């Protein structure tokens, strides 16, 4: 699926998991593919985040991310 993260276009969002905790919601998504500098420039812990997908919009702050040769995993936390 395609998307946009803080203005950076994402070609291949592989999965999206949502977990609700007392007053908070965490959305973890993966981006499949190798190094992608426009995305890496947007990844800052505890900074505002906006993920736009075809079916929804998620706004919050980045609380965790990781990257390897196969892609990225990013978690956005928002208050309910």
C-alpha atoms as a PDB file:
ATOM      1  CA  UNK A   1       0.000   0.000   0.000  1.00  0.00           C
ATOM      2  CA  UNK A   2       1.177   3.547  -0.668  1.00  0.00           C
ATOM      3  CA  UNK A   3       1.332   6.333   1.894  1.00  0.00           C
ATOM      4  CA  UNK A   4       2.947   9.571   3.008  1.00  0.00           C
ATOM      5  CA  UNK A   5       4.924  10.040   6.232  1.00  0.00           C
ATOM      6  CA  UNK A   6       5.600  13.673   7.216  1.00  0.00           C
ATOM      7  CA  UNK A   7       5.665  14.599   3.532  1.00  0.00           C
ATOM      8  CA  UNK A   8       7.883  11.707   2.406  1.00  0.00           C
ATOM      9  CA  UNK A   9       6.120   9.408  -0.096  1.00  0.00           C
ATOM     10  CA  UNK A  10       6.181   5.732   0.875  1.00  0.00           C
ATOM     11  CA  UNK A  11       6.100   3.175  -1.921  1.00  0.00           C
ATOM     12  CA  UNK A  12       5.457  -0.015   0.011  1.00  0.00           C
ATOM     13  CA  UNK A  13       3.823   0.065   3.455  1.00  0.00           C
ATOM     14  CA  UNK A  14       3.796  -3.622   4.337  1.00  0.00           C
ATOM     15  CA  UNK A  15       1.670  -3.815   7.468  1.00  0.00           C
ATOM     16  CA  UNK A  16      -0.080  -1.693  10.073  1.00  0.00           C
ATOM     17  CA  UNK A  17      -0.779  -2.882  13.628  1.00  0.00           C
ATOM     18  CA  UNK A  18      -2.798  -0.856  16.131  1.00  0.00           C
ATOM     19  CA  UNK A  19      -2.754  -1.376  19.899  1.00  0.00           C
ATOM     20  CA  UNK A  20      -4.911   0.649  22.301  1.00  0.00           C
ATOM     21  CA  UNK A  21      -3.697   1.186  25.843  1.00  0.00           C
ATOM     22  CA  UNK A  22      -5.310   3.305  28.572  1.00  0.00           C
ATOM     23  CA  UNK A  23      -5.793   6.611  26.767  1.00  0.00           C
ATOM     24  CA  UNK A  24      -3.091   5.927  24.171  1.00  0.00           C
ATOM     25  CA  UNK A  25      -3.052   4.252  20.793  1.00  0.00           C
ATOM     26  CA  UNK A  26       0.121   2.896  19.185  1.00  0.00           C
ATOM     27  CA  UNK A  27       0.299   2.345  15.452  1.00  0.00           C
ATOM     28  CA  UNK A  28       3.256   0.317  14.183  1.00  0.00           C
ATOM     29  CA  UNK A  29       3.858   0.104  10.460  1.00  0.00           C
ATOM     30  CA  UNK A  30       6.545  -1.334   8.225  1.00  0.00           C
ATOM     31  CA  UNK A  31       8.024   0.106   5.075  1.00  0.00           C
ATOM     32  CA  UNK A  32       9.552  -2.545   2.841  1.00  0.00           C
ATOM     33  CA  UNK A  33      12.726  -1.772   0.918  1.00  0.00           C
ATOM     34  CA  UNK A  34      16.308  -0.732   1.390  1.00  0.00           C
ATOM     35  CA  UNK A  35      17.658   2.632   2.521  1.00  0.00           C
ATOM     36  CA  UNK A  36      15.290   5.532   1.809  1.00  0.00           C
ATOM     37  CA  UNK A  37      16.935   8.892   2.729  1.00  0.00           C
ATOM     38  CA  UNK A  38      13.728  11.026   2.484  1.00  0.00           C
ATOM     39  CA  UNK A  39      12.129   8.824   5.165  1.00  0.00           C
ATOM     40  CA  UNK A  40      15.258   8.748   7.334  1.00  0.00           C
ATOM     41  CA  UNK A  41      15.305  12.551   7.404  1.00  0.00           C
ATOM     42  CA  UNK A  42      11.827  12.495   8.986  1.00  0.00           C
ATOM     43  CA  UNK A  43      12.589   9.908  11.706  1.00  0.00           C
ATOM     44  CA  UNK A  44      13.195  11.705  14.994  1.00  0.00           C
ATOM     45  CA  UNK A  45      12.122  10.277  18.340  1.00  0.00           C
ATOM     46  CA  UNK A  46       9.414  12.199  20.198  1.00  0.00           C
ATOM     47  CA  UNK A  47       8.765  14.420  17.169  1.00  0.00           C
ATOM     48  CA  UNK A  48       5.362  15.008  15.536  1.00  0.00           C
ATOM     49  CA  UNK A  49       4.328  12.419  12.966  1.00  0.00           C
ATOM     50  CA  UNK A  50       1.629  12.292  10.322  1.00  0.00           C
ATOM     51  CA  UNK A  51       1.027   9.089   8.378  1.00  0.00           C
ATOM     52  CA  UNK A  52      -1.469   9.296   5.524  1.00  0.00           C
ATOM     53  CA  UNK A  53      -2.702   6.060   3.973  1.00  0.00           C
ATOM     54  CA  UNK A  54      -5.461   5.553   1.446  1.00  0.00           C
ATOM     55  CA  UNK A  55      -7.904   4.453   4.146  1.00  0.00           C
ATOM     56  CA  UNK A  56      -6.891   6.583   7.156  1.00  0.00           C
ATOM     57  CA  UNK A  57      -4.784   9.341   8.644  1.00  0.00           C
ATOM     58  CA  UNK A  58      -2.707   8.806  11.809  1.00  0.00           C
ATOM     59  CA  UNK A  59      -1.309  11.718  13.783  1.00  0.00           C
ATOM     60  CA  UNK A  60       0.883  11.534  16.875  1.00  0.00           C
ATOM     61  CA  UNK A  61       4.565  11.340  17.749  1.00  0.00           C
ATOM     62  CA  UNK A  62       7.316   8.884  16.846  1.00  0.00           C
ATOM     63  CA  UNK A  63       8.147   6.742  19.874  1.00  0.00           C
ATOM     64  CA  UNK A  64      10.212   4.001  18.221  1.00  0.00           C
ATOM     65  CA  UNK A  65      11.788   3.114  14.904  1.00  0.00           C
ATOM     66  CA  UNK A  66      14.265   0.631  13.536  1.00  0.00           C
ATOM     67  CA  UNK A  67      15.848   0.001  10.173  1.00  0.00           C
ATOM     68  CA  UNK A  68      17.745  -2.784   8.472  1.00  0.00           C
ATOM     69  CA  UNK A  69      18.510  -3.858   4.916  1.00  0.00           C
ATOM     70  CA  UNK A  70      14.931  -5.046   4.347  1.00  0.00           C
ATOM     71  CA  UNK A  71      13.142  -1.889   5.490  1.00  0.00           C
ATOM     72  CA  UNK A  72      11.839   0.107   8.440  1.00  0.00           C
ATOM     73  CA  UNK A  73       9.493  -0.392  11.377  1.00  0.00           C
ATOM     74  CA  UNK A  74       8.031   2.785  12.876  1.00  0.00           C
ATOM     75  CA  UNK A  75       5.681   3.285  15.850  1.00  0.00           C
ATOM     76  CA  UNK A  76       3.510   6.374  16.252  1.00  0.00           C
ATOM     77  CA  UNK A  77       1.721   7.032  19.556  1.00  0.00           C
ATOM     78  CA  UNK A  78      -1.381   9.210  19.808  1.00  0.00           C
ATOM     79  CA  UNK A  79      -3.672  10.176  22.651  1.00  0.00           C
ATOM     80  CA  UNK A  80      -7.297   9.057  22.481  1.00  0.00           C
END
